[in-house]
Amino acid sequence: MNKQDLVREVAERVSASQGQTARVVNAFLAAIGRTLSAGHRVHVRRFGSFELRRRRSRLIRNPRNGRTYHVPGKLAPVFRASRSLVARMAAEERERPAS
């Protein structure tokens, strides 16, 4: 599902126009981005949390030429699903017929 699909589904569920829903979705995503940029965590109850984690610097090797390169550390956004979301996905997977 991409953002346009998300906007379409949410608009249908709440009986709103896709334009209005797109503005809400964009504002929601921008708020998450601003909060993460400020160094804070975003927790959406019964869904999960977004936070920044520091990735350490490391050395990598190009297999073609054998050269070693230094990749500096950086902050990376991560999502961690809540226990209730994980449980919901597991229950839906159990209900789904085996293919």
PDB file of N, CA and C in Angstrom:
ATOM      1  N   MET A   1       0.857  -1.170   0.000  1.00  0.00           N
ATOM      2  CA  MET A   1       0.000   0.000   0.000  1.00  0.00           C
ATOM      3  C   MET A   1       0.902   1.230   0.000  1.00  0.00           C
ATOM      4  N   ASN A   2       0.653   2.138  -0.920  1.00  0.00           N
ATOM      5  CA  ASN A   2       1.398   3.395  -0.923  1.00  0.00           C
ATOM      6  C   ASN A   2       0.531   4.497  -0.320  1.00  0.00           C
ATOM      7  N   LYS A   3       1.058   5.716  -0.284  1.00  0.00           N
ATOM      8  CA  LYS A   3       0.334   6.807   0.388  1.00  0.00           C
ATOM      9  C   LYS A   3      -1.001   7.095  -0.300  1.00  0.00           C
ATOM     10  N   GLN A   4      -1.038   7.039  -1.607  1.00  0.00           N
ATOM     11  CA  GLN A   4      -2.284   7.299  -2.329  1.00  0.00           C
ATOM     12  C   GLN A   4      -3.339   6.243  -1.986  1.00  0.00           C
ATOM     13  N   ASP A   5      -2.934   4.985  -1.889  1.00  0.00           N
ATOM     14  CA  ASP A   5      -3.861   3.917  -1.494  1.00  0.00           C
ATOM     15  C   ASP A   5      -4.363   4.144  -0.076  1.00  0.00           C
ATOM     16  N   LEU A   6      -3.468   4.571   0.806  1.00  0.00           N
ATOM     17  CA  LEU A   6      -3.847   4.856   2.185  1.00  0.00           C
ATOM     18  C   LEU A   6      -4.878   5.980   2.235  1.00  0.00           C
ATOM     19  N   VAL A   7      -4.628   7.052   1.504  1.00  0.00           N
ATOM     20  CA  VAL A   7      -5.562   8.184   1.471  1.00  0.00           C
ATOM     21  C   VAL A   7      -6.921   7.721   0.964  1.00  0.00           C
ATOM     22  N   ARG A   8      -6.933   6.934  -0.098  1.00  0.00           N
ATOM     23  CA  ARG A   8      -8.191   6.449  -0.671  1.00  0.00           C
ATOM     24  C   ARG A   8      -8.971   5.616   0.341  1.00  0.00           C
ATOM     25  N   GLU A   9      -8.283   4.690   1.030  1.00  0.00           N
ATOM     26  CA  GLU A   9      -8.976   3.822   1.986  1.00  0.00           C
ATOM     27  C   GLU A   9      -9.502   4.603   3.183  1.00  0.00           C
ATOM     28  N   VAL A  10      -8.686   5.493   3.729  1.00  0.00           N
ATOM     29  CA  VAL A  10      -9.127   6.284   4.878  1.00  0.00           C
ATOM     30  C   VAL A  10     -10.297   7.188   4.482  1.00  0.00           C
ATOM     31  N   ALA A  11     -10.228   7.798   3.300  1.00  0.00           N
ATOM     32  CA  ALA A  11     -11.313   8.668   2.839  1.00  0.00           C
ATOM     33  C   ALA A  11     -12.627   7.899   2.741  1.00  0.00           C
ATOM     34  N   GLU A  12     -12.559   6.674   2.241  1.00  0.00           N
ATOM     35  CA  GLU A  12     -13.767   5.852   2.150  1.00  0.00           C
ATOM     36  C   GLU A  12     -14.316   5.515   3.533  1.00  0.00           C
ATOM     37  N   ARG A  13     -13.422   5.168   4.459  1.00  0.00           N
ATOM     38  CA  ARG A  13     -13.868   4.752   5.796  1.00  0.00           C
ATOM     39  C   ARG A  13     -14.493   5.885   6.605  1.00  0.00           C
ATOM     40  N   VAL A  14     -14.012   7.110   6.415  1.00  0.00           N
ATOM     41  CA  VAL A  14     -14.528   8.233   7.210  1.00  0.00           C
ATOM     42  C   VAL A  14     -15.457   9.136   6.401  1.00  0.00           C
ATOM     43  N   SER A  15     -15.789   8.730   5.192  1.00  0.00           N
ATOM     44  CA  SER A  15     -16.682   9.494   4.312  1.00  0.00           C
ATOM     45  C   SER A  15     -16.209  10.932   4.140  1.00  0.00           C
ATOM     46  N   ALA A  16     -14.950  11.099   3.798  1.00  0.00           N
ATOM     47  CA  ALA A  16     -14.378  12.425   3.552  1.00  0.00           C
ATOM     48  C   ALA A  16     -13.818  12.430   2.133  1.00  0.00           C
ATOM     49  N   SER A  17     -13.551  13.618   1.636  1.00  0.00           N
ATOM     50  CA  SER A  17     -12.968  13.701   0.299  1.00  0.00           C
ATOM     51  C   SER A  17     -11.510  13.247   0.360  1.00  0.00           C
ATOM     52  N   GLN A  18     -11.008  12.802  -0.779  1.00  0.00           N
ATOM     53  CA  GLN A  18      -9.616  12.380  -0.823  1.00  0.00           C
ATOM     54  C   GLN A  18      -8.683  13.565  -0.613  1.00  0.00           C
ATOM     55  N   GLY A  19      -9.088  14.752  -1.041  1.00  0.00           N
ATOM     56  CA  GLY A  19      -8.270  15.949  -0.841  1.00  0.00           C
ATOM     57  C   GLY A  19      -8.100  16.272   0.635  1.00  0.00           C
ATOM     58  N   GLN A  20      -9.220  16.255   1.370  1.00  0.00           N
ATOM     59  CA  GLN A  20      -9.159  16.513   2.816  1.00  0.00           C
ATOM     60  C   GLN A  20      -8.331  15.442   3.520  1.00  0.00           C
ATOM     61  N   THR A  21      -8.574  14.198   3.143  1.00  0.00           N
ATOM     62  CA  THR A  21      -7.861  13.093   3.775  1.00  0.00           C
ATOM     63  C   THR A  21      -6.372  13.166   3.477  1.00  0.00           C
ATOM     64  N   ALA A  22      -6.010  13.545   2.258  1.00  0.00           N
ATOM     65  CA  ALA A  22      -4.592  13.676   1.897  1.00  0.00           C
ATOM     66  C   ALA A  22      -3.920  14.742   2.754  1.00  0.00           C
ATOM     67  N   ARG A  23      -4.621  15.850   3.013  1.00  0.00           N
ATOM     68  CA  ARG A  23      -4.039  16.893   3.871  1.00  0.00           C
ATOM     69  C   ARG A  23      -3.825  16.381   5.291  1.00  0.00           C
ATOM     70  N   VAL A  24      -4.764  15.590   5.804  1.00  0.00           N
ATOM     71  CA  VAL A  24      -4.628  15.031   7.153  1.00  0.00           C
ATOM     72  C   VAL A  24      -3.470  14.038   7.206  1.00  0.00           C
ATOM     73  N   VAL A  25      -3.389  13.146   6.228  1.00  0.00           N
ATOM     74  CA  VAL A  25      -2.306  12.159   6.194  1.00  0.00           C
ATOM     75  C   VAL A  25      -0.955  12.866   6.073  1.00  0.00           C
ATOM     76  N   ASN A  26      -0.865  13.859   5.198  1.00  0.00           N
ATOM     77  CA  ASN A  26       0.390  14.607   5.042  1.00  0.00           C
ATOM     78  C   ASN A  26       0.767  15.327   6.330  1.00  0.00           C
ATOM     79  N   ALA A  27      -0.221  15.916   7.010  1.00  0.00           N
ATOM     80  CA  ALA A  27       0.059  16.603   8.276  1.00  0.00           C
ATOM     81  C   ALA A  27       0.528  15.613   9.335  1.00  0.00           C
ATOM     82  N   PHE A  28      -0.094  14.440   9.383  1.00  0.00           N
ATOM     83  CA  PHE A  28       0.283  13.395  10.341  1.00  0.00           C
ATOM     84  C   PHE A  28       1.731  12.956  10.112  1.00  0.00           C
ATOM     85  N   LEU A  29       2.073  12.686   8.849  1.00  0.00           N
ATOM     86  CA  LEU A  29       3.430  12.245   8.534  1.00  0.00           C
ATOM     87  C   LEU A  29       4.451  13.358   8.792  1.00  0.00           C
ATOM     88  N   ALA A  30       4.081  14.597   8.498  1.00  0.00           N
ATOM     89  CA  ALA A  30       4.985  15.721   8.755  1.00  0.00           C
ATOM     90  C   ALA A  30       5.213  15.887  10.255  1.00  0.00           C
ATOM     91  N   ALA A  31       4.175  15.692  11.055  1.00  0.00           N
ATOM     92  CA  ALA A  31       4.314  15.806  12.510  1.00  0.00           C
ATOM     93  C   ALA A  31       5.261  14.732  13.040  1.00  0.00           C
ATOM     94  N   ILE A  32       5.140  13.529  12.513  1.00  0.00           N
ATOM     95  CA  ILE A  32       6.060  12.460  12.926  1.00  0.00           C
ATOM     96  C   ILE A  32       7.480  12.843  12.545  1.00  0.00           C
ATOM     97  N   GLY A  33       7.680  13.321  11.334  1.00  0.00           N
ATOM     98  CA  GLY A  33       9.015  13.722  10.887  1.00  0.00           C
ATOM     99  C   GLY A  33       9.612  14.835  11.732  1.00  0.00           C
ATOM    100  N   ARG A  34       8.801  15.855  12.039  1.00  0.00           N
ATOM    101  CA  ARG A  34       9.293  16.969  12.876  1.00  0.00           C
ATOM    102  C   ARG A  34       9.657  16.488  14.275  1.00  0.00           C
ATOM    103  N   THR A  35       8.831  15.614  14.825  1.00  0.00           N
ATOM    104  CA  THR A  35       9.093  15.112  16.179  1.00  0.00           C
ATOM    105  C   THR A  35      10.373  14.289  16.211  1.00  0.00           C
ATOM    106  N   LEU A  36      10.564  13.434  15.214  1.00  0.00           N
ATOM    107  CA  LEU A  36      11.792  12.643  15.146  1.00  0.00           C
ATOM    108  C   LEU A  36      13.006  13.550  14.947  1.00  0.00           C
ATOM    109  N   SER A  37      12.868  14.569  14.097  1.00  0.00           N
ATOM    110  CA  SER A  37      13.980  15.498  13.850  1.00  0.00           C
ATOM    111  C   SER A  37      14.378  16.234  15.121  1.00  0.00           C
ATOM    112  N   ALA A  38      13.402  16.458  15.997  1.00  0.00           N
ATOM    113  CA  ALA A  38      13.683  17.133  17.265  1.00  0.00           C
ATOM    114  C   ALA A  38      14.294  16.175  18.285  1.00  0.00           C
ATOM    115  N   GLY A  39      14.417  14.893  17.908  1.00  0.00           N
ATOM    116  CA  GLY A  39      15.042  13.923  18.799  1.00  0.00           C
ATOM    117  C   GLY A  39      14.083  13.237  19.749  1.00  0.00           C
ATOM    118  N   HIS A  40      12.782  13.345  19.486  1.00  0.00           N
ATOM    119  CA  HIS A  40      11.783  12.731  20.359  1.00  0.00           C
ATOM    120  C   HIS A  40      11.182  11.495  19.717  1.00  0.00           C
ATOM    121  N   ARG A  41      10.574  10.678  20.534  1.00  0.00           N
ATOM    122  CA  ARG A  41       9.930   9.442  20.098  1.00  0.00           C
ATOM    123  C   ARG A  41       8.447   9.717  19.863  1.00  0.00           C
ATOM    124  N   VAL A  42       7.843   9.026  18.901  1.00  0.00           N
ATOM    125  CA  VAL A  42       6.411   9.139  18.636  1.00  0.00           C
ATOM    126  C   VAL A  42       5.790   7.790  18.943  1.00  0.00           C
ATOM    127  N   HIS A  43       4.829   7.782  19.863  1.00  0.00           N
ATOM    128  CA  HIS A  43       4.164   6.534  20.234  1.00  0.00           C
ATOM    129  C   HIS A  43       2.684   6.651  19.884  1.00  0.00           C
ATOM    130  N   VAL A  44       2.199   5.722  19.060  1.00  0.00           N
ATOM    131  CA  VAL A  44       0.790   5.663  18.708  1.00  0.00           C
ATOM    132  C   VAL A  44       0.240   4.414  19.389  1.00  0.00           C
ATOM    133  N   ARG A  45      -0.559   4.621  20.407  1.00  0.00           N
ATOM    134  CA  ARG A  45      -1.055   3.521  21.225  1.00  0.00           C
ATOM    135  C   ARG A  45      -1.740   2.458  20.377  1.00  0.00           C
ATOM    136  N   ARG A  46      -1.450   1.204  20.667  1.00  0.00           N
ATOM    137  CA  ARG A  46      -1.973   0.015  19.999  1.00  0.00           C
ATOM    138  C   ARG A  46      -1.551  -0.082  18.538  1.00  0.00           C
ATOM    139  N   PHE A  47      -0.557   0.714  18.129  1.00  0.00           N
ATOM    140  CA  PHE A  47      -0.026   0.621  16.774  1.00  0.00           C
ATOM    141  C   PHE A  47       1.477   0.410  16.814  1.00  0.00           C
ATOM    142  N   GLY A  48       2.206   1.336  17.444  1.00  0.00           N
ATOM    143  CA  GLY A  48       3.650   1.188  17.533  1.00  0.00           C
ATOM    144  C   GLY A  48       4.324   2.515  17.801  1.00  0.00           C
ATOM    145  N   SER A  49       5.641   2.526  17.722  1.00  0.00           N
ATOM    146  CA  SER A  49       6.385   3.750  17.992  1.00  0.00           C
ATOM    147  C   SER A  49       7.469   3.959  16.944  1.00  0.00           C
ATOM    148  N   PHE A  50       7.739   5.225  16.700  1.00  0.00           N
ATOM    149  CA  PHE A  50       8.784   5.645  15.785  1.00  0.00           C
ATOM    150  C   PHE A  50       9.854   6.311  16.625  1.00  0.00           C
ATOM    151  N   GLU A  51      11.115   6.033  16.336  1.00  0.00           N
ATOM    152  CA  GLU A  51      12.198   6.678  17.058  1.00  0.00           C
ATOM    153  C   GLU A  51      13.449   6.691  16.185  1.00  0.00           C
ATOM    154  N   LEU A  52      14.423   7.460  16.607  1.00  0.00           N
ATOM    155  CA  LEU A  52      15.701   7.499  15.909  1.00  0.00           C
ATOM    156  C   LEU A  52      16.685   6.617  16.648  1.00  0.00           C
ATOM    157  N   ARG A  53      17.441   5.858  15.902  1.00  0.00           N
ATOM    158  CA  ARG A  53      18.507   5.051  16.500  1.00  0.00           C
ATOM    159  C   ARG A  53      19.812   5.388  15.799  1.00  0.00           C
ATOM    160  N   ARG A  54      20.870   5.413  16.587  1.00  0.00           N
ATOM    161  CA  ARG A  54      22.190   5.691  16.030  1.00  0.00           C
ATOM    162  C   ARG A  54      22.749   4.416  15.430  1.00  0.00           C
ATOM    163  N   ARG A  55      23.141   4.504  14.176  1.00  0.00           N
ATOM    164  CA  ARG A  55      23.833   3.381  13.529  1.00  0.00           C
ATOM    165  C   ARG A  55      25.322   3.684  13.629  1.00  0.00           C
ATOM    166  N   ARG A  56      26.075   2.719  14.089  1.00  0.00           N
ATOM    167  CA  ARG A  56      27.503   2.961  14.286  1.00  0.00           C
ATOM    168  C   ARG A  56      28.243   2.974  12.952  1.00  0.00           C
ATOM    169  N   SER A  57      29.384   3.615  12.952  1.00  0.00           N
ATOM    170  CA  SER A  57      30.197   3.635  11.741  1.00  0.00           C
ATOM    171  C   SER A  57      30.802   2.247  11.537  1.00  0.00           C
ATOM    172  N   ARG A  58      31.120   1.944  10.282  1.00  0.00           N
ATOM    173  CA  ARG A  58      31.651   0.610   9.985  1.00  0.00           C
ATOM    174  C   ARG A  58      32.491   0.657   8.719  1.00  0.00           C
ATOM    175  N   LEU A  59      33.240  -0.395   8.527  1.00  0.00           N
ATOM    176  CA  LEU A  59      34.026  -0.553   7.313  1.00  0.00           C
ATOM    177  C   LEU A  59      33.305  -1.548   6.405  1.00  0.00           C
ATOM    178  N   ILE A  60      33.234  -1.208   5.127  1.00  0.00           N
ATOM    179  CA  ILE A  60      32.647  -2.129   4.163  1.00  0.00           C
ATOM    180  C   ILE A  60      33.674  -2.412   3.078  1.00  0.00           C
ATOM    181  N   ARG A  61      33.495  -3.521   2.371  1.00  0.00           N
ATOM    182  CA  ARG A  61      34.424  -3.876   1.312  1.00  0.00           C
ATOM    183  C   ARG A  61      33.658  -4.047   0.013  1.00  0.00           C
ATOM    184  N   ASN A  62      34.181  -3.421  -1.038  1.00  0.00           N
ATOM    185  CA  ASN A  62      33.613  -3.581  -2.366  1.00  0.00           C
ATOM    186  C   ASN A  62      34.107  -4.923  -2.912  1.00  0.00           C
ATOM    187  N   PRO A  63      33.205  -5.872  -3.160  1.00  0.00           N
ATOM    188  CA  PRO A  63      33.649  -7.193  -3.613  1.00  0.00           C
ATOM    189  C   PRO A  63      34.272  -7.184  -5.009  1.00  0.00           C
ATOM    190  N   ARG A  64      33.960  -6.178  -5.810  1.00  0.00           N
ATOM    191  CA  ARG A  64      34.521  -6.117  -7.170  1.00  0.00           C
ATOM    192  C   ARG A  64      36.006  -5.773  -7.181  1.00  0.00           C
ATOM    193  N   ASN A  65      36.346  -4.728  -6.412  1.00  0.00           N
ATOM    194  CA  ASN A  65      37.745  -4.290  -6.468  1.00  0.00           C
ATOM    195  C   ASN A  65      38.509  -4.559  -5.176  1.00  0.00           C
ATOM    196  N   GLY A  66      37.829  -5.060  -4.140  1.00  0.00           N
ATOM    197  CA  GLY A  66      38.497  -5.392  -2.898  1.00  0.00           C
ATOM    198  C   GLY A  66      38.807  -4.200  -2.003  1.00  0.00           C
ATOM    199  N   ARG A  67      38.476  -2.983  -2.443  1.00  0.00           N
ATOM    200  CA  ARG A  67      38.761  -1.794  -1.630  1.00  0.00           C
ATOM    201  C   ARG A  67      37.848  -1.732  -0.409  1.00  0.00           C
ATOM    202  N   THR A  68      38.402  -1.197   0.673  1.00  0.00           N
ATOM    203  CA  THR A  68      37.653  -1.020   1.909  1.00  0.00           C
ATOM    204  C   THR A  68      37.258   0.452   2.030  1.00  0.00           C
ATOM    205  N   TYR A  69      36.023   0.673   2.437  1.00  0.00           N
ATOM    206  CA  TYR A  69      35.506   2.032   2.591  1.00  0.00           C
ATOM    207  C   TYR A  69      34.946   2.204   3.992  1.00  0.00           C
ATOM    208  N   HIS A  70      35.061   3.427   4.500  1.00  0.00           N
ATOM    209  CA  HIS A  70      34.505   3.776   5.804  1.00  0.00           C
ATOM    210  C   HIS A  70      33.125   4.376   5.596  1.00  0.00           C
ATOM    211  N   VAL A  71      32.118   3.826   6.273  1.00  0.00           N
ATOM    212  CA  VAL A  71      30.768   4.371   6.239  1.00  0.00           C
ATOM    213  C   VAL A  71      30.537   5.024   7.598  1.00  0.00           C
ATOM    214  N   PRO A  72      30.329   6.344   7.629  1.00  0.00           N
ATOM    215  CA  PRO A  72      30.155   7.008   8.920  1.00  0.00           C
ATOM    216  C   PRO A  72      28.836   6.621   9.589  1.00  0.00           C
ATOM    217  N   GLY A  73      28.793   6.750  10.891  1.00  0.00           N
ATOM    218  CA  GLY A  73      27.579   6.476  11.642  1.00  0.00           C
ATOM    219  C   GLY A  73      26.522   7.516  11.305  1.00  0.00           C
ATOM    220  N   LYS A  74      25.271   7.171  11.567  1.00  0.00           N
ATOM    221  CA  LYS A  74      24.190   8.107  11.290  1.00  0.00           C
ATOM    222  C   LYS A  74      22.990   7.756  12.146  1.00  0.00           C
ATOM    223  N   LEU A  75      22.039   8.688  12.186  1.00  0.00           N
ATOM    224  CA  LEU A  75      20.769   8.436  12.842  1.00  0.00           C
ATOM    225  C   LEU A  75      19.811   7.882  11.804  1.00  0.00           C
ATOM    226  N   ALA A  76      19.088   6.831  12.152  1.00  0.00           N
ATOM    227  CA  ALA A  76      18.131   6.222  11.233  1.00  0.00           C
ATOM    228  C   ALA A  76      16.780   6.083  11.930  1.00  0.00           C
ATOM    229  N   PRO A  77      15.688   6.447  11.242  1.00  0.00           N
ATOM    230  CA  PRO A  77      14.369   6.254  11.838  1.00  0.00           C
ATOM    231  C   PRO A  77      14.003   4.776  11.838  1.00  0.00           C
ATOM    232  N   VAL A  78      13.383   4.334  12.913  1.00  0.00           N
ATOM    233  CA  VAL A  78      12.942   2.945  13.015  1.00  0.00           C
ATOM    234  C   VAL A  78      11.514   2.909  13.549  1.00  0.00           C
ATOM    235  N   PHE A  79      10.793   1.866  13.174  1.00  0.00           N
ATOM    236  CA  PHE A  79       9.435   1.656  13.669  1.00  0.00           C
ATOM    237  C   PHE A  79       9.417   0.364  14.447  1.00  0.00           C
ATOM    238  N   ARG A  80       8.768   0.392  15.586  1.00  0.00           N
ATOM    239  CA  ARG A  80       8.617  -0.822  16.384  1.00  0.00           C
ATOM    240  C   ARG A  80       7.128  -1.037  16.627  1.00  0.00           C
ATOM    241  N   ALA A  81       6.607  -2.151  16.151  1.00  0.00           N
ATOM    242  CA  ALA A  81       5.187  -2.452  16.297  1.00  0.00           C
ATOM    243  C   ALA A  81       4.854  -2.737  17.757  1.00  0.00           C
ATOM    244  N   SER A  82       3.655  -2.312  18.172  1.00  0.00           N
ATOM    245  CA  SER A  82       3.216  -2.574  19.548  1.00  0.00           C
ATOM    246  C   SER A  82       2.853  -4.048  19.695  1.00  0.00           C
ATOM    247  N   ARG A  83       2.785  -4.502  20.932  1.00  0.00           N
ATOM    248  CA  ARG A  83       2.416  -5.897  21.185  1.00  0.00           C
ATOM    249  C   ARG A  83       1.029  -6.199  20.641  1.00  0.00           C
ATOM    250  N   SER A  84       0.098  -5.242  20.784  1.00  0.00           N
ATOM    251  CA  SER A  84      -1.258  -5.501  20.307  1.00  0.00           C
ATOM    252  C   SER A  84      -1.304  -5.597  18.781  1.00  0.00           C
ATOM    253  N   LEU A  85      -0.504  -4.806  18.071  1.00  0.00           N
ATOM    254  CA  LEU A  85      -0.462  -4.901  16.610  1.00  0.00           C
ATOM    255  C   LEU A  85       0.147  -6.228  16.183  1.00  0.00           C
ATOM    256  N   VAL A  86       1.206  -6.643  16.837  1.00  0.00           N
ATOM    257  CA  VAL A  86       1.843  -7.927  16.526  1.00  0.00           C
ATOM    258  C   VAL A  86       0.857  -9.067  16.781  1.00  0.00           C
ATOM    259  N   ALA A  87       0.120  -8.999  17.893  1.00  0.00           N
ATOM    260  CA  ALA A  87      -0.852 -10.038  18.214  1.00  0.00           C
ATOM    261  C   ALA A  87      -1.979 -10.066  17.186  1.00  0.00           C
ATOM    262  N   ARG A  88      -2.426  -8.888  16.750  1.00  0.00           N
ATOM    263  CA  ARG A  88      -3.486  -8.807  15.743  1.00  0.00           C
ATOM    264  C   ARG A  88      -3.029  -9.426  14.421  1.00  0.00           C
ATOM    265  N   MET A  89      -1.795  -9.139  14.021  1.00  0.00           N
ATOM    266  CA  MET A  89      -1.266  -9.700  12.767  1.00  0.00           C
ATOM    267  C   MET A  89      -1.115 -11.216  12.879  1.00  0.00           C
ATOM    268  N   ALA A  90      -0.693 -11.695  14.039  1.00  0.00           N
ATOM    269  CA  ALA A  90      -0.542 -13.139  14.241  1.00  0.00           C
ATOM    270  C   ALA A  90      -1.902 -13.830  14.190  1.00  0.00           C
ATOM    271  N   ALA A  91      -2.925 -13.204  14.784  1.00  0.00           N
ATOM    272  CA  ALA A  91      -4.263 -13.791  14.770  1.00  0.00           C
ATOM    273  C   ALA A  91      -4.808 -13.840  13.348  1.00  0.00           C
ATOM    274  N   GLU A  92      -4.591 -12.777  12.578  1.00  0.00           N
ATOM    275  CA  GLU A  92      -5.061 -12.758  11.189  1.00  0.00           C
ATOM    276  C   GLU A  92      -4.317 -13.794  10.350  1.00  0.00           C
ATOM    277  N   GLU A  93      -3.045 -13.994  10.649  1.00  0.00           N
ATOM    278  CA  GLU A  93      -2.271 -14.988   9.906  1.00  0.00           C
ATOM    279  C   GLU A  93      -2.783 -16.397  10.205  1.00  0.00           C
ATOM    280  N   ARG A  94      -3.160 -16.648  11.459  1.00  0.00           N
ATOM    281  CA  ARG A  94      -3.685 -17.971  11.819  1.00  0.00           C
ATOM    282  C   ARG A  94      -5.022 -18.227  11.149  1.00  0.00           C
ATOM    283  N   GLU A  95      -5.838 -17.175  10.979  1.00  0.00           N
ATOM    284  CA  GLU A  95      -7.155 -17.319  10.361  1.00  0.00           C
ATOM    285  C   GLU A  95      -7.072 -17.475   8.848  1.00  0.00           C
ATOM    286  N   ARG A  96      -6.004 -16.997   8.241  1.00  0.00           N
ATOM    287  CA  ARG A  96      -5.839 -17.045   6.793  1.00  0.00           C
ATOM    288  C   ARG A  96      -5.613 -18.498   6.363  1.00  0.00           C
ATOM    289  N   PRO A  97      -6.354 -18.947   5.331  1.00  0.00           N
ATOM    290  CA  PRO A  97      -6.140 -20.336   4.877  1.00  0.00           C
ATOM    291  C   PRO A  97      -4.751 -20.529   4.288  1.00  0.00           C
ATOM    292  N   ALA A  98      -4.202 -21.707   4.502  1.00  0.00           N
ATOM    293  CA  ALA A  98      -2.855 -22.017   3.981  1.00  0.00           C
ATOM    294  C   ALA A  98      -2.914 -22.085   2.458  1.00  0.00           C
ATOM    295  N   SER A  99      -1.877 -21.543   1.804  1.00  0.00           N
ATOM    296  CA  SER A  99      -1.881 -21.599   0.349  1.00  0.00           C
ATOM    297  C   SER A  99      -1.000 -22.686  -0.182  1.00  0.00           C
TER     298      SER A  99
END
